[in-house]
Amino acid sequence: MDKGTLDAIGLHPDGPLKRSMYWDSISGLVASGGLLVITSCNSTKDELIQQVEAFNQRSGASPESDTAVDIEASRDPHPFQYVDHVRSYPTFTFGGSVGSRVATVAFLRN
């Protein structure tokens, strides 16, 4: 369960690099068949799914590496698969717009 770690990483000046490191680490921590559930206040459901798809593509692109995380990722070119998301959160109105920026998305570790 990630509730805020990915959000905090995204605020770092080296956000894209740090997010890449995050996904490399998470892929080694979540067991095969396990679920990764991310709750974010900075990313939408679609943005989280895009990050996972980008990681899946990147992890399958370089099958030769010398780190344990990369070796594990190279065995499974698509480590994470979208499962479901929380369908509704309370909304708020601000400046005439109604919305919610909270997203909770679950991914299966293949």
PDB file of N, CA and C in Angstrom:
ATOM      1  N   MET A   1       0.852  -1.175   0.000  1.00  0.00           N
ATOM      2  CA  MET A   1       0.000   0.000   0.000  1.00  0.00           C
ATOM      3  C   MET A   1       0.892   1.229   0.000  1.00  0.00           C
ATOM      4  N   ASP A   2       0.640   2.112  -0.929  1.00  0.00           N
ATOM      5  CA  ASP A   2       1.366   3.372  -1.001  1.00  0.00           C
ATOM      6  C   ASP A   2       0.350   4.488  -0.845  1.00  0.00           C
ATOM      7  N   LYS A   3       0.489   5.251   0.207  1.00  0.00           N
ATOM      8  CA  LYS A   3      -0.393   6.397   0.426  1.00  0.00           C
ATOM      9  C   LYS A   3       0.482   7.626   0.623  1.00  0.00           C
ATOM     10  N   GLY A   4       0.972   8.161  -0.476  1.00  0.00           N
ATOM     11  CA  GLY A   4       1.724   9.400  -0.415  1.00  0.00           C
ATOM     12  C   GLY A   4       3.175   9.326  -0.833  1.00  0.00           C
ATOM     13  N   THR A   5       3.772   8.143  -0.859  1.00  0.00           N
ATOM     14  CA  THR A   5       5.185   8.054  -1.225  1.00  0.00           C
ATOM     15  C   THR A   5       5.413   8.512  -2.661  1.00  0.00           C
ATOM     16  N   LEU A   6       4.628   7.986  -3.586  1.00  0.00           N
ATOM     17  CA  LEU A   6       4.785   8.379  -4.980  1.00  0.00           C
ATOM     18  C   LEU A   6       4.494   9.867  -5.162  1.00  0.00           C
ATOM     19  N   ASP A   7       3.530  10.398  -4.418  1.00  0.00           N
ATOM     20  CA  ASP A   7       3.240  11.836  -4.468  1.00  0.00           C
ATOM     21  C   ASP A   7       4.450  12.651  -4.020  1.00  0.00           C
ATOM     22  N   ALA A   8       5.061  12.254  -2.920  1.00  0.00           N
ATOM     23  CA  ALA A   8       6.220  12.979  -2.396  1.00  0.00           C
ATOM     24  C   ALA A   8       7.393  12.912  -3.373  1.00  0.00           C
ATOM     25  N   ILE A   9       7.600  11.758  -3.969  1.00  0.00           N
ATOM     26  CA  ILE A   9       8.680  11.596  -4.936  1.00  0.00           C
ATOM     27  C   ILE A   9       8.461  12.515  -6.137  1.00  0.00           C
ATOM     28  N   GLY A  10       7.207  12.644  -6.557  1.00  0.00           N
ATOM     29  CA  GLY A  10       6.888  13.493  -7.697  1.00  0.00           C
ATOM     30  C   GLY A  10       7.195  14.959  -7.465  1.00  0.00           C
ATOM     31  N   LEU A  11       7.276  15.379  -6.209  1.00  0.00           N
ATOM     32  CA  LEU A  11       7.572  16.769  -5.883  1.00  0.00           C
ATOM     33  C   LEU A  11       9.073  17.067  -5.870  1.00  0.00           C
ATOM     34  N   HIS A  12       9.890  16.031  -5.916  1.00  0.00           N
ATOM     35  CA  HIS A  12      11.347  16.189  -5.903  1.00  0.00           C
ATOM     36  C   HIS A  12      11.799  16.857  -7.206  1.00  0.00           C
ATOM     37  N   PRO A  13      12.823  17.713  -7.155  1.00  0.00           N
ATOM     38  CA  PRO A  13      13.318  18.345  -8.387  1.00  0.00           C
ATOM     39  C   PRO A  13      13.712  17.336  -9.479  1.00  0.00           C
ATOM     40  N   ASP A  14      14.158  16.164  -9.076  1.00  0.00           N
ATOM     41  CA  ASP A  14      14.489  15.090 -10.026  1.00  0.00           C
ATOM     42  C   ASP A  14      13.350  14.089 -10.110  1.00  0.00           C
ATOM     43  N   GLY A  15      12.119  14.573 -10.103  1.00  0.00           N
ATOM     44  CA  GLY A  15      10.929  13.731 -10.056  1.00  0.00           C
ATOM     45  C   GLY A  15      10.912  12.585 -11.046  1.00  0.00           C
ATOM     46  N   PRO A  16      11.139  12.825 -12.344  1.00  0.00           N
ATOM     47  CA  PRO A  16      11.091  11.709 -13.294  1.00  0.00           C
ATOM     48  C   PRO A  16      12.112  10.607 -12.991  1.00  0.00           C
ATOM     49  N   LEU A  17      13.324  10.990 -12.617  1.00  0.00           N
ATOM     50  CA  LEU A  17      14.340  10.002 -12.259  1.00  0.00           C
ATOM     51  C   LEU A  17      13.942   9.252 -10.990  1.00  0.00           C
ATOM     52  N   LYS A  18      13.459   9.987  -9.999  1.00  0.00           N
ATOM     53  CA  LYS A  18      13.066   9.365  -8.730  1.00  0.00           C
ATOM     54  C   LYS A  18      11.870   8.436  -8.918  1.00  0.00           C
ATOM     55  N   ARG A  19      10.917   8.802  -9.787  1.00  0.00           N
ATOM     56  CA  ARG A  19       9.778   7.914 -10.055  1.00  0.00           C
ATOM     57  C   ARG A  19      10.255   6.624 -10.715  1.00  0.00           C
ATOM     58  N   SER A  20      11.220   6.733 -11.606  1.00  0.00           N
ATOM     59  CA  SER A  20      11.783   5.544 -12.239  1.00  0.00           C
ATOM     60  C   SER A  20      12.417   4.629 -11.192  1.00  0.00           C
ATOM     61  N   MET A  21      13.140   5.217 -10.257  1.00  0.00           N
ATOM     62  CA  MET A  21      13.751   4.444  -9.171  1.00  0.00           C
ATOM     63  C   MET A  21      12.673   3.814  -8.287  1.00  0.00           C
ATOM     64  N   TYR A  22      11.593   4.553  -8.038  1.00  0.00           N
ATOM     65  CA  TYR A  22      10.474   4.045  -7.240  1.00  0.00           C
ATOM     66  C   TYR A  22       9.913   2.769  -7.877  1.00  0.00           C
ATOM     67  N   TRP A  23       9.610   2.820  -9.184  1.00  0.00           N
ATOM     68  CA  TRP A  23       9.012   1.662  -9.844  1.00  0.00           C
ATOM     69  C   TRP A  23       9.974   0.482  -9.876  1.00  0.00           C
ATOM     70  N   ASP A  24      11.267   0.743 -10.061  1.00  0.00           N
ATOM     71  CA  ASP A  24      12.252  -0.335  -9.999  1.00  0.00           C
ATOM     72  C   ASP A  24      12.232  -0.998  -8.628  1.00  0.00           C
ATOM     73  N   SER A  25      12.183  -0.194  -7.579  1.00  0.00           N
ATOM     74  CA  SER A  25      12.180  -0.735  -6.216  1.00  0.00           C
ATOM     75  C   SER A  25      10.893  -1.489  -5.910  1.00  0.00           C
ATOM     76  N   ILE A  26       9.768  -0.900  -6.256  1.00  0.00           N
ATOM     77  CA  ILE A  26       8.471  -1.526  -5.969  1.00  0.00           C
ATOM     78  C   ILE A  26       8.346  -2.871  -6.670  1.00  0.00           C
ATOM     79  N   SER A  27       8.847  -2.967  -7.903  1.00  0.00           N
ATOM     80  CA  SER A  27       8.726  -4.237  -8.631  1.00  0.00           C
ATOM     81  C   SER A  27       9.482  -5.358  -7.924  1.00  0.00           C
ATOM     82  N   GLY A  28      10.513  -4.997  -7.161  1.00  0.00           N
ATOM     83  CA  GLY A  28      11.240  -6.005  -6.397  1.00  0.00           C
ATOM     84  C   GLY A  28      10.637  -6.296  -5.035  1.00  0.00           C
ATOM     85  N   LEU A  29       9.769  -5.418  -4.557  1.00  0.00           N
ATOM     86  CA  LEU A  29       9.169  -5.588  -3.234  1.00  0.00           C
ATOM     87  C   LEU A  29       7.823  -6.312  -3.244  1.00  0.00           C
ATOM     88  N   VAL A  30       7.058  -6.134  -4.299  1.00  0.00           N
ATOM     89  CA  VAL A  30       5.734  -6.756  -4.371  1.00  0.00           C
ATOM     90  C   VAL A  30       5.889  -8.157  -4.950  1.00  0.00           C
ATOM     91  N   ALA A  31       5.434  -9.148  -4.187  1.00  0.00           N
ATOM     92  CA  ALA A  31       5.575 -10.542  -4.607  1.00  0.00           C
ATOM     93  C   ALA A  31       4.670 -10.853  -5.790  1.00  0.00           C
ATOM     94  N   SER A  32       5.067 -11.828  -6.574  1.00  0.00           N
ATOM     95  CA  SER A  32       4.241 -12.294  -7.675  1.00  0.00           C
ATOM     96  C   SER A  32       2.868 -12.689  -7.137  1.00  0.00           C
ATOM     97  N   GLY A  33       1.821 -12.193  -7.773  1.00  0.00           N
ATOM     98  CA  GLY A  33       0.460 -12.452  -7.306  1.00  0.00           C
ATOM     99  C   GLY A  33      -0.016 -11.459  -6.263  1.00  0.00           C
ATOM    100  N   GLY A  34       0.887 -10.590  -5.813  1.00  0.00           N
ATOM    101  CA  GLY A  34       0.524  -9.589  -4.807  1.00  0.00           C
ATOM    102  C   GLY A  34      -0.110  -8.360  -5.444  1.00  0.00           C
ATOM    103  N   LEU A  35      -0.714  -7.550  -4.603  1.00  0.00           N
ATOM    104  CA  LEU A  35      -1.347  -6.323  -5.062  1.00  0.00           C
ATOM    105  C   LEU A  35      -0.570  -5.105  -4.600  1.00  0.00           C
ATOM    106  N   LEU A  36      -0.446  -4.145  -5.469  1.00  0.00           N
ATOM    107  CA  LEU A  36       0.077  -2.827  -5.133  1.00  0.00           C
ATOM    108  C   LEU A  36      -1.108  -1.877  -5.214  1.00  0.00           C
ATOM    109  N   VAL A  37      -1.437  -1.238  -4.100  1.00  0.00           N
ATOM    110  CA  VAL A  37      -2.541  -0.288  -4.058  1.00  0.00           C
ATOM    111  C   VAL A  37      -1.956   1.083  -3.781  1.00  0.00           C
ATOM    112  N   ILE A  38      -2.202   2.009  -4.707  1.00  0.00           N
ATOM    113  CA  ILE A  38      -1.658   3.363  -4.593  1.00  0.00           C
ATOM    114  C   ILE A  38      -2.803   4.343  -4.406  1.00  0.00           C
ATOM    115  N   THR A  39      -2.723   5.160  -3.353  1.00  0.00           N
ATOM    116  CA  THR A  39      -3.646   6.268  -3.163  1.00  0.00           C
ATOM    117  C   THR A  39      -2.844   7.539  -3.374  1.00  0.00           C
ATOM    118  N   SER A  40      -3.322   8.361  -4.300  1.00  0.00           N
ATOM    119  CA  SER A  40      -2.604   9.576  -4.669  1.00  0.00           C
ATOM    120  C   SER A  40      -3.516  10.786  -4.613  1.00  0.00           C
ATOM    121  N   CYS A  41      -2.965  11.888  -4.158  1.00  0.00           N
ATOM    122  CA  CYS A  41      -3.669  13.170  -4.190  1.00  0.00           C
ATOM    123  C   CYS A  41      -3.150  14.042  -5.323  1.00  0.00           C
ATOM    124  N   ASN A  42      -2.107  13.585  -6.018  1.00  0.00           N
ATOM    125  CA  ASN A  42      -1.491  14.367  -7.090  1.00  0.00           C
ATOM    126  C   ASN A  42      -1.704  13.775  -8.473  1.00  0.00           C
ATOM    127  N   SER A  43      -2.066  12.508  -8.550  1.00  0.00           N
ATOM    128  CA  SER A  43      -2.233  11.841  -9.841  1.00  0.00           C
ATOM    129  C   SER A  43      -3.636  11.273  -9.964  1.00  0.00           C
ATOM    130  N   THR A  44      -4.161  11.308 -11.170  1.00  0.00           N
ATOM    131  CA  THR A  44      -5.458  10.692 -11.439  1.00  0.00           C
ATOM    132  C   THR A  44      -5.262   9.203 -11.686  1.00  0.00           C
ATOM    133  N   LYS A  45      -6.366   8.487 -11.761  1.00  0.00           N
ATOM    134  CA  LYS A  45      -6.313   7.065 -12.088  1.00  0.00           C
ATOM    135  C   LYS A  45      -5.579   6.866 -13.406  1.00  0.00           C
ATOM    136  N   ASP A  46      -5.939   7.631 -14.420  1.00  0.00           N
ATOM    137  CA  ASP A  46      -5.318   7.468 -15.733  1.00  0.00           C
ATOM    138  C   ASP A  46      -3.823   7.776 -15.703  1.00  0.00           C
ATOM    139  N   GLU A  47      -3.423   8.769 -14.935  1.00  0.00           N
ATOM    140  CA  GLU A  47      -1.997   9.099 -14.823  1.00  0.00           C
ATOM    141  C   GLU A  47      -1.233   7.975 -14.144  1.00  0.00           C
ATOM    142  N   LEU A  48      -1.807   7.346 -13.118  1.00  0.00           N
ATOM    143  CA  LEU A  48      -1.143   6.220 -12.448  1.00  0.00           C
ATOM    144  C   LEU A  48      -1.013   5.029 -13.405  1.00  0.00           C
ATOM    145  N   ILE A  49      -2.065   4.768 -14.157  1.00  0.00           N
ATOM    146  CA  ILE A  49      -2.011   3.674 -15.129  1.00  0.00           C
ATOM    147  C   ILE A  49      -0.948   3.959 -16.184  1.00  0.00           C
ATOM    148  N   GLN A  50      -0.831   5.201 -16.638  1.00  0.00           N
ATOM    149  CA  GLN A  50       0.198   5.567 -17.607  1.00  0.00           C
ATOM    150  C   GLN A  50       1.598   5.348 -17.043  1.00  0.00           C
ATOM    151  N   GLN A  51       1.790   5.661 -15.761  1.00  0.00           N
ATOM    152  CA  GLN A  51       3.107   5.440 -15.145  1.00  0.00           C
ATOM    153  C   GLN A  51       3.452   3.950 -15.122  1.00  0.00           C
ATOM    154  N   VAL A  52       2.462   3.117 -14.798  1.00  0.00           N
ATOM    155  CA  VAL A  52       2.694   1.676 -14.767  1.00  0.00           C
ATOM    156  C   VAL A  52       2.985   1.154 -16.171  1.00  0.00           C
ATOM    157  N   GLU A  53       2.235   1.614 -17.156  1.00  0.00           N
ATOM    158  CA  GLU A  53       2.487   1.183 -18.534  1.00  0.00           C
ATOM    159  C   GLU A  53       3.880   1.603 -19.001  1.00  0.00           C
ATOM    160  N   ALA A  54       4.305   2.809 -18.639  1.00  0.00           N
ATOM    161  CA  ALA A  54       5.645   3.264 -18.999  1.00  0.00           C
ATOM    162  C   ALA A  54       6.703   2.392 -18.329  1.00  0.00           C
ATOM    163  N   PHE A  55       6.491   2.049 -17.054  1.00  0.00           N
ATOM    164  CA  PHE A  55       7.431   1.169 -16.365  1.00  0.00           C
ATOM    165  C   PHE A  55       7.456  -0.209 -17.022  1.00  0.00           C
ATOM    166  N   ASN A  56       6.280  -0.751 -17.333  1.00  0.00           N
ATOM    167  CA  ASN A  56       6.215  -2.059 -17.986  1.00  0.00           C
ATOM    168  C   ASN A  56       6.994  -2.056 -19.294  1.00  0.00           C
ATOM    169  N   GLN A  57       6.855  -1.002 -20.081  1.00  0.00           N
ATOM    170  CA  GLN A  57       7.580  -0.917 -21.352  1.00  0.00           C
ATOM    171  C   GLN A  57       9.086  -0.787 -21.119  1.00  0.00           C
ATOM    172  N   ARG A  58       9.441   0.060 -20.158  1.00  0.00           N
ATOM    173  CA  ARG A  58      10.864   0.266 -19.865  1.00  0.00           C
ATOM    174  C   ARG A  58      11.501  -1.000 -19.309  1.00  0.00           C
ATOM    175  N   SER A  59      10.788  -1.715 -18.451  1.00  0.00           N
ATOM    176  CA  SER A  59      11.372  -2.905 -17.823  1.00  0.00           C
ATOM    177  C   SER A  59      11.575  -4.023 -18.823  1.00  0.00           C
ATOM    178  N   GLY A  60      10.787  -4.039 -19.887  1.00  0.00           N
ATOM    179  CA  GLY A  60      10.962  -5.059 -20.920  1.00  0.00           C
ATOM    180  C   GLY A  60      11.974  -4.665 -21.974  1.00  0.00           C
ATOM    181  N   ALA A  61      12.421  -3.413 -21.946  1.00  0.00           N
ATOM    182  CA  ALA A  61      13.290  -2.903 -23.002  1.00  0.00           C
ATOM    183  C   ALA A  61      14.759  -3.237 -22.798  1.00  0.00           C
ATOM    184  N   SER A  62      15.179  -3.514 -21.562  1.00  0.00           N
ATOM    185  CA  SER A  62      16.599  -3.770 -21.334  1.00  0.00           C
ATOM    186  C   SER A  62      16.795  -5.077 -20.577  1.00  0.00           C
ATOM    187  N   PRO A  63      16.796  -6.201 -21.275  1.00  0.00           N
ATOM    188  CA  PRO A  63      16.892  -7.497 -20.606  1.00  0.00           C
ATOM    189  C   PRO A  63      18.251  -7.790 -20.000  1.00  0.00           C
ATOM    190  N   GLU A  64      19.278  -7.006 -20.323  1.00  0.00           N
ATOM    191  CA  GLU A  64      20.594  -7.264 -19.750  1.00  0.00           C
ATOM    192  C   GLU A  64      20.928  -6.203 -18.716  1.00  0.00           C
ATOM    193  N   SER A  65      21.192  -6.646 -17.499  1.00  0.00           N
ATOM    194  CA  SER A  65      21.535  -5.725 -16.423  1.00  0.00           C
ATOM    195  C   SER A  65      22.250  -6.497 -15.334  1.00  0.00           C
ATOM    196  N   ASP A  66      22.845  -5.754 -14.412  1.00  0.00           N
ATOM    197  CA  ASP A  66      23.583  -6.424 -13.348  1.00  0.00           C
ATOM    198  C   ASP A  66      23.007  -6.162 -11.968  1.00  0.00           C
ATOM    199  N   THR A  67      21.829  -5.551 -11.869  1.00  0.00           N
ATOM    200  CA  THR A  67      21.232  -5.364 -10.555  1.00  0.00           C
ATOM    201  C   THR A  67      20.111  -6.366 -10.350  1.00  0.00           C
ATOM    202  N   ALA A  68      19.890  -6.748  -9.116  1.00  0.00           N
ATOM    203  CA  ALA A  68      18.864  -7.740  -8.801  1.00  0.00           C
ATOM    204  C   ALA A  68      17.478  -7.273  -9.224  1.00  0.00           C
ATOM    205  N   VAL A  69      17.184  -5.997  -9.015  1.00  0.00           N
ATOM    206  CA  VAL A  69      15.869  -5.470  -9.381  1.00  0.00           C
ATOM    207  C   VAL A  69      15.683  -5.549 -10.891  1.00  0.00           C
ATOM    208  N   ASP A  70      16.691  -5.138 -11.663  1.00  0.00           N
ATOM    209  CA  ASP A  70      16.576  -5.176 -13.109  1.00  0.00           C
ATOM    210  C   ASP A  70      16.519  -6.607 -13.630  1.00  0.00           C
ATOM    211  N   ILE A  71      17.254  -7.519 -13.004  1.00  0.00           N
ATOM    212  CA  ILE A  71      17.201  -8.917 -13.407  1.00  0.00           C
ATOM    213  C   ILE A  71      15.798  -9.462 -13.184  1.00  0.00           C
ATOM    214  N   GLU A  72      15.201  -9.163 -12.056  1.00  0.00           N
ATOM    215  CA  GLU A  72      13.836  -9.611 -11.767  1.00  0.00           C
ATOM    216  C   GLU A  72      12.868  -9.010 -12.772  1.00  0.00           C
ATOM    217  N   ALA A  73      12.992  -7.722 -13.062  1.00  0.00           N
ATOM    218  CA  ALA A  73      12.094  -7.064 -14.001  1.00  0.00           C
ATOM    219  C   ALA A  73      12.252  -7.649 -15.405  1.00  0.00           C
ATOM    220  N   SER A  74      13.481  -8.027 -15.792  1.00  0.00           N
ATOM    221  CA  SER A  74      13.695  -8.538 -17.144  1.00  0.00           C
ATOM    222  C   SER A  74      13.069  -9.918 -17.324  1.00  0.00           C
ATOM    223  N   ARG A  75      12.856 -10.656 -16.258  1.00  0.00           N
ATOM    224  CA  ARG A  75      12.203 -11.957 -16.360  1.00  0.00           C
ATOM    225  C   ARG A  75      10.728 -11.807 -16.717  1.00  0.00           C
ATOM    226  N   ASP A  76      10.135 -10.707 -16.316  1.00  0.00           N
ATOM    227  CA  ASP A  76       8.724 -10.452 -16.560  1.00  0.00           C
ATOM    228  C   ASP A  76       8.603  -9.072 -17.190  1.00  0.00           C
ATOM    229  N   PRO A  77       8.492  -9.002 -18.526  1.00  0.00           N
ATOM    230  CA  PRO A  77       8.502  -7.697 -19.175  1.00  0.00           C
ATOM    231  C   PRO A  77       7.318  -6.810 -18.818  1.00  0.00           C
ATOM    232  N   HIS A  78       6.273  -7.350 -18.227  1.00  0.00           N
ATOM    233  CA  HIS A  78       5.128  -6.544 -17.802  1.00  0.00           C
ATOM    234  C   HIS A  78       4.788  -6.882 -16.359  1.00  0.00           C
ATOM    235  N   PRO A  79       5.548  -6.327 -15.428  1.00  0.00           N
ATOM    236  CA  PRO A  79       5.392  -6.712 -14.021  1.00  0.00           C
ATOM    237  C   PRO A  79       4.042  -6.368 -13.391  1.00  0.00           C
ATOM    238  N   PHE A  80       3.414  -5.269 -13.815  1.00  0.00           N
ATOM    239  CA  PHE A  80       2.173  -4.852 -13.168  1.00  0.00           C
ATOM    240  C   PHE A  80       1.027  -4.760 -14.162  1.00  0.00           C
ATOM    241  N   GLN A  81      -0.141  -5.144 -13.667  1.00  0.00           N
ATOM    242  CA  GLN A  81      -1.353  -5.110 -14.474  1.00  0.00           C
ATOM    243  C   GLN A  81      -2.442  -4.395 -13.681  1.00  0.00           C
ATOM    244  N   TYR A  82      -3.126  -3.447 -14.325  1.00  0.00           N
ATOM    245  CA  TYR A  82      -4.233  -2.731 -13.696  1.00  0.00           C
ATOM    246  C   TYR A  82      -5.315  -3.726 -13.293  1.00  0.00           C
ATOM    247  N   VAL A  83      -5.839  -3.588 -12.057  1.00  0.00           N
ATOM    248  CA  VAL A  83      -6.913  -4.450 -11.584  1.00  0.00           C
ATOM    249  C   VAL A  83      -8.212  -3.667 -11.459  1.00  0.00           C
ATOM    250  N   ASP A  84      -8.184  -2.603 -10.665  1.00  0.00           N
ATOM    251  CA  ASP A  84      -9.410  -1.839 -10.410  1.00  0.00           C
ATOM    252  C   ASP A  84      -9.040  -0.552  -9.696  1.00  0.00           C
ATOM    253  N   HIS A  85     -10.038   0.285  -9.472  1.00  0.00           N
ATOM    254  CA  HIS A  85      -9.824   1.535  -8.747  1.00  0.00           C
ATOM    255  C   HIS A  85     -11.057   1.852  -7.910  1.00  0.00           C
ATOM    256  N   VAL A  86     -10.864   2.704  -6.915  1.00  0.00           N
ATOM    257  CA  VAL A  86     -11.992   3.193  -6.117  1.00  0.00           C
ATOM    258  C   VAL A  86     -12.777   4.113  -7.033  1.00  0.00           C
ATOM    259  N   ARG A  87     -14.043   3.860  -7.156  1.00  0.00           N
ATOM    260  CA  ARG A  87     -14.865   4.537  -8.157  1.00  0.00           C
ATOM    261  C   ARG A  87     -15.338   5.927  -7.761  1.00  0.00           C
ATOM    262  N   SER A  88     -15.411   6.202  -6.476  1.00  0.00           N
ATOM    263  CA  SER A  88     -15.878   7.543  -6.107  1.00  0.00           C
ATOM    264  C   SER A  88     -15.253   7.995  -4.798  1.00  0.00           C
ATOM    265  N   TYR A  89     -14.967   9.239  -4.768  1.00  0.00           N
ATOM    266  CA  TYR A  89     -14.525   9.914  -3.561  1.00  0.00           C
ATOM    267  C   TYR A  89     -15.422  11.126  -3.404  1.00  0.00           C
ATOM    268  N   PRO A  90     -15.532  11.620  -2.188  1.00  0.00           N
ATOM    269  CA  PRO A  90     -16.301  12.867  -2.035  1.00  0.00           C
ATOM    270  C   PRO A  90     -15.694  13.960  -2.916  1.00  0.00           C
ATOM    271  N   THR A  91     -16.551  14.784  -3.477  1.00  0.00           N
ATOM    272  CA  THR A  91     -16.084  15.858  -4.332  1.00  0.00           C
ATOM    273  C   THR A  91     -16.193  17.186  -3.596  1.00  0.00           C
ATOM    274  N   PHE A  92     -15.548  18.196  -4.130  1.00  0.00           N
ATOM    275  CA  PHE A  92     -15.607  19.536  -3.572  1.00  0.00           C
ATOM    276  C   PHE A  92     -15.828  20.517  -4.718  1.00  0.00           C
ATOM    277  N   THR A  93     -16.314  21.675  -4.371  1.00  0.00           N
ATOM    278  CA  THR A  93     -16.516  22.723  -5.364  1.00  0.00           C
ATOM    279  C   THR A  93     -15.598  23.878  -5.029  1.00  0.00           C
ATOM    280  N   PHE A  94     -14.873  24.331  -6.042  1.00  0.00           N
ATOM    281  CA  PHE A  94     -13.962  25.455  -5.852  1.00  0.00           C
ATOM    282  C   PHE A  94     -13.928  26.256  -7.144  1.00  0.00           C
ATOM    283  N   GLY A  95     -14.213  27.524  -7.047  1.00  0.00           N
ATOM    284  CA  GLY A  95     -14.181  28.388  -8.224  1.00  0.00           C
ATOM    285  C   GLY A  95     -15.142  27.951  -9.312  1.00  0.00           C
ATOM    286  N   GLY A  96     -16.260  27.362  -8.913  1.00  0.00           N
ATOM    287  CA  GLY A  96     -17.248  26.916  -9.886  1.00  0.00           C
ATOM    288  C   GLY A  96     -16.974  25.550 -10.480  1.00  0.00           C
ATOM    289  N   SER A  97     -15.853  24.936 -10.125  1.00  0.00           N
ATOM    290  CA  SER A  97     -15.529  23.598 -10.619  1.00  0.00           C
ATOM    291  C   SER A  97     -15.762  22.569  -9.532  1.00  0.00           C
ATOM    292  N   VAL A  98     -16.229  21.414  -9.937  1.00  0.00           N
ATOM    293  CA  VAL A  98     -16.463  20.306  -9.013  1.00  0.00           C
ATOM    294  C   VAL A  98     -15.488  19.201  -9.352  1.00  0.00           C
ATOM    295  N   GLY A  99     -14.857  18.636  -8.323  1.00  0.00           N
ATOM    296  CA  GLY A  99     -13.933  17.548  -8.603  1.00  0.00           C
ATOM    297  C   GLY A  99     -13.325  16.959  -7.363  1.00  0.00           C
ATOM    298  N   SER A 100     -12.527  15.948  -7.596  1.00  0.00           N
ATOM    299  CA  SER A 100     -11.757  15.282  -6.549  1.00  0.00           C
ATOM    300  C   SER A 100     -10.440  14.876  -7.172  1.00  0.00           C
ATOM    301  N   ARG A 101      -9.366  15.122  -6.500  1.00  0.00           N
ATOM    302  CA  ARG A 101      -8.052  14.790  -7.040  1.00  0.00           C
ATOM    303  C   ARG A 101      -7.498  13.517  -6.409  1.00  0.00           C
ATOM    304  N   VAL A 102      -8.273  12.863  -5.580  1.00  0.00           N
ATOM    305  CA  VAL A 102      -7.808  11.636  -4.936  1.00  0.00           C
ATOM    306  C   VAL A 102      -8.112  10.443  -5.841  1.00  0.00           C
ATOM    307  N   ALA A 103      -7.135   9.584  -6.014  1.00  0.00           N
ATOM    308  CA  ALA A 103      -7.308   8.370  -6.801  1.00  0.00           C
ATOM    309  C   ALA A 103      -6.681   7.209  -6.042  1.00  0.00           C
ATOM    310  N   THR A 104      -7.379   6.083  -6.010  1.00  0.00           N
ATOM    311  CA  THR A 104      -6.834   4.837  -5.457  1.00  0.00           C
ATOM    312  C   THR A 104      -6.942   3.782  -6.525  1.00  0.00           C
ATOM    313  N   VAL A 105      -5.785   3.217  -6.895  1.00  0.00           N
ATOM    314  CA  VAL A 105      -5.725   2.264  -7.988  1.00  0.00           C
ATOM    315  C   VAL A 105      -4.964   1.013  -7.526  1.00  0.00           C
ATOM    316  N   ALA A 106      -5.458  -0.164  -7.931  1.00  0.00           N
ATOM    317  CA  ALA A 106      -4.817  -1.422  -7.572  1.00  0.00           C
ATOM    318  C   ALA A 106      -4.187  -2.050  -8.813  1.00  0.00           C
ATOM    319  N   PHE A 107      -2.970  -2.583  -8.625  1.00  0.00           N
ATOM    320  CA  PHE A 107      -2.238  -3.248  -9.685  1.00  0.00           C
ATOM    321  C   PHE A 107      -1.808  -4.636  -9.190  1.00  0.00           C
ATOM    322  N   LEU A 108      -1.923  -5.629 -10.042  1.00  0.00           N
ATOM    323  CA  LEU A 108      -1.498  -6.987  -9.741  1.00  0.00           C
ATOM    324  C   LEU A 108      -0.065  -7.170 -10.190  1.00  0.00           C
ATOM    325  N   ARG A 109       0.750  -7.758  -9.323  1.00  0.00           N
ATOM    326  CA  ARG A 109       2.148  -8.083  -9.681  1.00  0.00           C
ATOM    327  C   ARG A 109       2.132  -9.421 -10.377  1.00  0.00           C
ATOM    328  N   ASN A 110       2.453  -9.428 -11.672  1.00  0.00           N
ATOM    329  CA  ASN A 110       2.468 -10.678 -12.453  1.00  0.00           C
ATOM    330  C   ASN A 110       3.628 -11.554 -12.057  1.00  0.00           C
TER     331      ASN A 110
END
